Structure formats: C-alpha cells, structure tokens
Amino acid sequence: MLQIYGIKNCDSVKKALKYFKEQNIEFNFTDFKENPQDCDKISEWVNKSDINTLFNNRSTTYRNLKLKELNLDNDGKKEYLCKENLLIKRPIIEFNETVIVGFNLENYKNIFS
C-alpha cells in the first residue's frame, strides 16, 4: 500500500489523492501539520531521492524564513527540512522502497498503471 505525506490543503497533494482515489489505489495519508516527520524519516527520503528535489525553495515557508539569503548547503537544507516539514516538496509517496516527490500525472500513470 502507498504511504503519502503532505498537507491536506496543498493543491499538489489534493491532485495526487484524487488521482489515487479515481484509480482505486489504496493509500495511507499522513499530514505534516498533524504528524511532523522526524530527521530519521527525512534522511531516508534524502537517501532515496535528492535533497534538492525534496527541498521546496518555492514555498511560502521558504520565503517567510528568508532562507534564500542563507545560501544553504545540502546539510543546511536537510537541517531545515527536519525543523520545518512544510519546506518539503509535496506530496511524498513511498512506494516499493522508492520515494516519489511531487505531483506529475504522466509520471504517476507510468508508475501506477
């Protein structure tokens, strides 16, 4: 079964959840606001993906924290992801020992059809 992480009011998460429901694909959903993920989980995602893919430098949280000014390296990005789950690009999907980041309909069709 898929494990999906994100926040309920995120448009990309809404699209992903809608896609999986329409395809009758079972999933569990975890909301970052209700259940923040710890650094061990973030490290797991970084190891299975890429820090630059996971780190959402277009988010409101990124702008509000003025992180562009800090010019973070990969370790700094990971540290902020651990502290501020809302900096994580959404949704995060765990599927067959892989991590899929973000919503991409064509990618989903290739993977889940």
N, C-alpha and C. Protein backbone atom coordinates (compact mmCIF):
# COMPACT_ATOMS: atom_id res chain seq x y z
N MET A 1 0.83 -1.18 0.00
CA MET A 1 0.00 0.00 0.00
C MET A 1 0.88 1.25 0.00
N LEU A 2 0.43 2.28 -0.69
CA LEU A 2 1.16 3.53 -0.74
C LEU A 2 1.07 4.27 0.58
N GLN A 3 2.14 4.95 0.90
CA GLN A 3 2.12 5.89 2.02
C GLN A 3 2.37 7.27 1.43
N ILE A 4 1.44 8.18 1.65
CA ILE A 4 1.54 9.53 1.11
C ILE A 4 1.67 10.51 2.26
N TYR A 5 2.60 11.46 2.10
CA TYR A 5 2.81 12.51 3.10
C TYR A 5 2.58 13.86 2.44
N GLY A 6 2.05 14.79 3.20
CA GLY A 6 1.83 16.13 2.69
C GLY A 6 0.99 16.92 3.67
N ILE A 7 0.29 17.92 3.14
CA ILE A 7 -0.69 18.65 3.94
C ILE A 7 -1.99 18.70 3.16
N LYS A 8 -3.10 18.62 3.89
CA LYS A 8 -4.41 18.47 3.28
C LYS A 8 -4.78 19.60 2.33
N ASN A 9 -4.36 20.82 2.63
CA ASN A 9 -4.79 21.95 1.81
C ASN A 9 -3.83 22.28 0.66
N CYS A 10 -2.83 21.46 0.43
CA CYS A 10 -1.89 21.66 -0.67
C CYS A 10 -2.52 21.18 -1.98
N ASP A 11 -2.49 22.02 -3.01
CA ASP A 11 -3.09 21.66 -4.30
C ASP A 11 -2.47 20.41 -4.91
N SER A 12 -1.16 20.28 -4.83
CA SER A 12 -0.49 19.10 -5.40
C SER A 12 -0.91 17.83 -4.66
N VAL A 13 -1.04 17.93 -3.37
CA VAL A 13 -1.48 16.77 -2.57
C VAL A 13 -2.92 16.42 -2.93
N LYS A 14 -3.77 17.43 -3.05
CA LYS A 14 -5.16 17.18 -3.43
C LYS A 14 -5.25 16.47 -4.77
N LYS A 15 -4.44 16.89 -5.73
CA LYS A 15 -4.45 16.25 -7.06
C LYS A 15 -3.99 14.80 -6.96
N ALA A 16 -2.95 14.57 -6.17
CA ALA A 16 -2.44 13.20 -6.02
C ALA A 16 -3.48 12.30 -5.36
N LEU A 17 -4.07 12.77 -4.28
CA LEU A 17 -5.07 11.96 -3.58
C LEU A 17 -6.26 11.67 -4.49
N LYS A 18 -6.67 12.66 -5.26
CA LYS A 18 -7.78 12.48 -6.20
C LYS A 18 -7.41 11.42 -7.24
N TYR A 19 -6.20 11.49 -7.77
CA TYR A 19 -5.74 10.52 -8.76
C TYR A 19 -5.81 9.10 -8.19
N PHE A 20 -5.27 8.90 -7.00
CA PHE A 20 -5.25 7.55 -6.42
C PHE A 20 -6.65 7.05 -6.10
N LYS A 21 -7.52 7.94 -5.65
CA LYS A 21 -8.91 7.54 -5.40
C LYS A 21 -9.59 7.12 -6.70
N GLU A 22 -9.40 7.91 -7.76
CA GLU A 22 -10.01 7.60 -9.05
C GLU A 22 -9.49 6.29 -9.63
N GLN A 23 -8.24 5.95 -9.34
CA GLN A 23 -7.63 4.72 -9.84
C GLN A 23 -7.88 3.54 -8.90
N ASN A 24 -8.62 3.79 -7.82
CA ASN A 24 -8.87 2.76 -6.80
C ASN A 24 -7.58 2.16 -6.25
N ILE A 25 -6.61 3.01 -6.02
CA ILE A 25 -5.34 2.60 -5.43
C ILE A 25 -5.39 2.96 -3.95
N GLU A 26 -5.22 1.96 -3.11
CA GLU A 26 -5.28 2.19 -1.67
C GLU A 26 -4.03 2.92 -1.20
N PHE A 27 -4.23 3.80 -0.22
CA PHE A 27 -3.12 4.55 0.34
C PHE A 27 -3.43 4.96 1.76
N ASN A 28 -2.37 5.26 2.48
CA ASN A 28 -2.47 5.90 3.79
C ASN A 28 -1.93 7.31 3.63
N PHE A 29 -2.56 8.26 4.28
CA PHE A 29 -2.13 9.65 4.19
C PHE A 29 -1.70 10.16 5.56
N THR A 30 -0.56 10.82 5.60
CA THR A 30 -0.06 11.44 6.82
C THR A 30 0.12 12.93 6.56
N ASP A 31 -0.52 13.73 7.38
CA ASP A 31 -0.44 15.19 7.26
C ASP A 31 0.73 15.71 8.10
N PHE A 32 1.63 16.46 7.46
CA PHE A 32 2.79 17.01 8.18
C PHE A 32 2.39 17.90 9.34
N LYS A 33 1.25 18.60 9.20
CA LYS A 33 0.84 19.50 10.28
C LYS A 33 0.38 18.73 11.51
N GLU A 34 -0.24 17.57 11.29
CA GLU A 34 -0.73 16.76 12.41
C GLU A 34 0.33 15.80 12.93
N ASN A 35 1.20 15.32 12.04
CA ASN A 35 2.23 14.35 12.40
C ASN A 35 3.55 14.73 11.73
N PRO A 36 4.27 15.70 12.31
CA PRO A 36 5.55 16.09 11.71
C PRO A 36 6.50 14.89 11.65
N GLN A 37 7.27 14.84 10.59
CA GLN A 37 8.21 13.74 10.41
C GLN A 37 9.57 14.11 10.99
N ASP A 38 10.23 13.12 11.58
CA ASP A 38 11.50 13.38 12.24
C ASP A 38 12.67 13.28 11.25
N CYS A 39 13.83 13.58 11.76
CA CYS A 39 15.03 13.61 10.92
C CYS A 39 15.39 12.23 10.35
N ASP A 40 15.05 11.17 11.05
CA ASP A 40 15.32 9.83 10.51
C ASP A 40 14.52 9.60 9.23
N LYS A 41 13.26 10.00 9.23
CA LYS A 41 12.42 9.84 8.04
C LYS A 41 12.92 10.74 6.91
N ILE A 42 13.30 11.96 7.24
CA ILE A 42 13.82 12.90 6.24
C ILE A 42 15.10 12.32 5.62
N SER A 43 15.97 11.78 6.45
CA SER A 43 17.22 11.17 5.95
C SER A 43 16.93 10.02 5.01
N GLU A 44 15.93 9.22 5.36
CA GLU A 44 15.53 8.10 4.50
C GLU A 44 15.10 8.62 3.12
N TRP A 45 14.29 9.68 3.11
CA TRP A 45 13.85 10.25 1.84
C TRP A 45 15.00 10.84 1.05
N VAL A 46 15.92 11.51 1.73
CA VAL A 46 17.08 12.09 1.05
C VAL A 46 17.91 10.98 0.41
N ASN A 47 18.08 9.87 1.12
CA ASN A 47 18.86 8.76 0.58
C ASN A 47 18.20 8.10 -0.62
N LYS A 48 16.87 8.15 -0.68
CA LYS A 48 16.14 7.51 -1.79
C LYS A 48 15.78 8.50 -2.89
N SER A 49 16.04 9.77 -2.66
CA SER A 49 15.70 10.79 -3.64
C SER A 49 16.88 11.74 -3.77
N ASP A 50 16.63 13.01 -3.58
CA ASP A 50 17.67 14.03 -3.70
C ASP A 50 17.26 15.22 -2.85
N ILE A 51 18.19 15.79 -2.12
CA ILE A 51 17.87 16.90 -1.24
C ILE A 51 17.27 18.07 -2.02
N ASN A 52 17.77 18.32 -3.21
CA ASN A 52 17.27 19.45 -3.99
C ASN A 52 15.88 19.20 -4.55
N THR A 53 15.51 17.95 -4.72
CA THR A 53 14.15 17.61 -5.14
C THR A 53 13.20 17.76 -3.95
N LEU A 54 13.64 17.35 -2.78
CA LEU A 54 12.80 17.41 -1.58
C LEU A 54 12.62 18.82 -1.03
N PHE A 55 13.63 19.64 -1.18
CA PHE A 55 13.63 20.97 -0.57
C PHE A 55 12.87 21.94 -1.47
N ASN A 56 11.75 22.44 -0.96
CA ASN A 56 10.88 23.31 -1.75
C ASN A 56 11.27 24.77 -1.56
N ASN A 57 12.11 25.25 -2.47
CA ASN A 57 12.55 26.64 -2.35
C ASN A 57 11.57 27.62 -3.01
N ARG A 58 10.38 27.13 -3.35
CA ARG A 58 9.33 28.00 -3.88
C ARG A 58 8.17 28.16 -2.90
N SER A 59 8.33 27.60 -1.71
CA SER A 59 7.23 27.60 -0.74
C SER A 59 7.14 28.93 0.02
N THR A 60 5.98 29.16 0.57
CA THR A 60 5.76 30.33 1.43
C THR A 60 6.67 30.26 2.65
N THR A 61 6.83 29.08 3.20
CA THR A 61 7.69 28.90 4.37
C THR A 61 9.13 29.32 4.04
N TYR A 62 9.62 28.91 2.87
CA TYR A 62 10.96 29.28 2.43
C TYR A 62 11.11 30.80 2.38
N ARG A 63 10.13 31.45 1.79
CA ARG A 63 10.18 32.92 1.68
C ARG A 63 10.06 33.58 3.05
N ASN A 64 9.14 33.09 3.88
CA ASN A 64 8.95 33.69 5.21
C ASN A 64 10.18 33.56 6.09
N LEU A 65 10.88 32.45 5.96
CA LEU A 65 12.11 32.25 6.76
C LEU A 65 13.32 32.93 6.14
N LYS A 66 13.15 33.52 4.95
CA LYS A 66 14.23 34.22 4.23
C LYS A 66 15.45 33.32 4.04
N LEU A 67 15.18 32.07 3.63
CA LEU A 67 16.26 31.09 3.50
C LEU A 67 17.14 31.36 2.29
N LYS A 68 16.63 32.06 1.30
CA LYS A 68 17.45 32.37 0.13
C LYS A 68 18.70 33.15 0.55
N GLU A 69 18.52 34.01 1.51
CA GLU A 69 19.64 34.83 1.99
C GLU A 69 20.72 33.98 2.66
N LEU A 70 20.35 32.82 3.18
CA LEU A 70 21.32 31.98 3.89
C LEU A 70 22.18 31.15 2.95
N ASN A 71 21.74 30.99 1.69
CA ASN A 71 22.51 30.21 0.71
C ASN A 71 22.92 28.86 1.30
N LEU A 72 21.92 28.08 1.70
CA LEU A 72 22.14 26.82 2.42
C LEU A 72 22.84 25.77 1.56
N ASP A 73 23.76 25.03 2.18
CA ASP A 73 24.33 23.85 1.52
C ASP A 73 23.40 22.67 1.80
N ASN A 74 23.74 21.50 1.31
CA ASN A 74 22.87 20.33 1.47
C ASN A 74 22.61 19.99 2.94
N ASP A 75 23.63 20.10 3.78
CA ASP A 75 23.44 19.82 5.21
C ASP A 75 22.49 20.83 5.83
N GLY A 76 22.62 22.09 5.45
CA GLY A 76 21.73 23.13 5.95
C GLY A 76 20.30 22.91 5.51
N LYS A 77 20.13 22.50 4.24
CA LYS A 77 18.79 22.21 3.73
C LYS A 77 18.16 21.07 4.51
N LYS A 78 18.93 20.02 4.74
CA LYS A 78 18.41 18.87 5.48
C LYS A 78 18.03 19.27 6.90
N GLU A 79 18.84 20.08 7.53
CA GLU A 79 18.55 20.55 8.88
C GLU A 79 17.22 21.31 8.91
N TYR A 80 17.00 22.16 7.93
CA TYR A 80 15.74 22.91 7.88
C TYR A 80 14.56 22.01 7.57
N LEU A 81 14.74 21.01 6.71
CA LEU A 81 13.66 20.06 6.44
C LEU A 81 13.23 19.35 7.72
N CYS A 82 14.20 19.03 8.56
CA CYS A 82 13.90 18.35 9.82
C CYS A 82 13.13 19.27 10.77
N LYS A 83 13.45 20.55 10.76
CA LYS A 83 12.80 21.51 11.65
C LYS A 83 11.46 21.99 11.11
N GLU A 84 11.38 22.13 9.80
CA GLU A 84 10.20 22.72 9.15
C GLU A 84 9.71 21.80 8.04
N ASN A 85 8.85 20.85 8.38
CA ASN A 85 8.34 19.90 7.40
C ASN A 85 7.63 20.59 6.24
N LEU A 86 7.15 21.80 6.44
CA LEU A 86 6.45 22.50 5.36
C LEU A 86 7.40 22.95 4.25
N LEU A 87 8.69 22.79 4.44
CA LEU A 87 9.67 23.06 3.39
C LEU A 87 9.82 21.88 2.44
N ILE A 88 9.20 20.76 2.76
CA ILE A 88 9.31 19.56 1.94
C ILE A 88 8.35 19.68 0.76
N LYS A 89 8.89 19.43 -0.43
CA LYS A 89 8.03 19.44 -1.62
C LYS A 89 7.01 18.31 -1.48
N ARG A 90 5.78 18.60 -1.86
CA ARG A 90 4.70 17.65 -1.63
C ARG A 90 4.04 17.24 -2.94
N PRO A 91 3.40 16.10 -2.91
CA PRO A 91 3.40 15.07 -1.87
C PRO A 91 4.68 14.23 -1.92
N ILE A 92 4.92 13.52 -0.85
CA ILE A 92 5.96 12.49 -0.79
C ILE A 92 5.22 11.17 -0.81
N ILE A 93 5.60 10.29 -1.73
CA ILE A 93 4.95 8.98 -1.84
C ILE A 93 6.00 7.90 -1.67
N GLU A 94 5.77 7.03 -0.70
CA GLU A 94 6.62 5.85 -0.53
C GLU A 94 5.94 4.69 -1.24
N PHE A 95 6.67 4.10 -2.18
CA PHE A 95 6.11 3.03 -3.00
C PHE A 95 7.22 2.06 -3.37
N ASN A 96 7.07 0.79 -2.99
CA ASN A 96 8.04 -0.25 -3.35
C ASN A 96 9.49 0.17 -3.07
N GLU A 97 9.73 0.63 -1.86
CA GLU A 97 11.09 1.02 -1.45
C GLU A 97 11.63 2.24 -2.19
N THR A 98 10.78 2.96 -2.91
CA THR A 98 11.20 4.19 -3.57
C THR A 98 10.43 5.37 -2.99
N VAL A 99 10.92 6.55 -3.31
CA VAL A 99 10.27 7.78 -2.90
C VAL A 99 9.99 8.60 -4.14
N ILE A 100 8.73 9.00 -4.30
CA ILE A 100 8.31 9.83 -5.43
C ILE A 100 7.93 11.18 -4.85
N VAL A 101 8.51 12.24 -5.40
CA VAL A 101 8.32 13.58 -4.86
C VAL A 101 7.53 14.44 -5.83
N GLY A 102 6.48 15.07 -5.34
CA GLY A 102 5.69 16.00 -6.14
C GLY A 102 4.61 15.30 -6.93
N PHE A 103 3.76 16.11 -7.55
CA PHE A 103 2.68 15.58 -8.38
C PHE A 103 3.04 15.75 -9.85
N ASN A 104 3.04 14.63 -10.57
CA ASN A 104 3.27 14.64 -12.01
C ASN A 104 2.39 13.54 -12.60
N LEU A 105 1.31 13.93 -13.25
CA LEU A 105 0.32 12.98 -13.73
C LEU A 105 0.92 11.93 -14.65
N GLU A 106 1.73 12.34 -15.60
CA GLU A 106 2.34 11.38 -16.54
C GLU A 106 3.24 10.40 -15.80
N ASN A 107 3.99 10.90 -14.87
CA ASN A 107 4.86 10.04 -14.06
C ASN A 107 4.03 9.04 -13.27
N TYR A 108 2.94 9.51 -12.68
CA TYR A 108 2.05 8.62 -11.93
C TYR A 108 1.46 7.54 -12.83
N LYS A 109 1.03 7.92 -14.02
CA LYS A 109 0.47 6.94 -14.94
C LYS A 109 1.48 5.87 -15.29
N ASN A 110 2.73 6.27 -15.52
CA ASN A 110 3.79 5.31 -15.85
C ASN A 110 4.10 4.38 -14.71
N ILE A 111 4.07 4.90 -13.51
CA ILE A 111 4.45 4.11 -12.33
C ILE A 111 3.29 3.24 -11.83
N PHE A 112 2.09 3.80 -11.78
CA PHE A 112 0.99 3.14 -11.07
C PHE A 112 -0.04 2.48 -11.98
N SER A 113 0.11 2.58 -13.29
CA SER A 113 -0.88 1.94 -14.19
C SER A 113 -0.41 0.57 -14.65
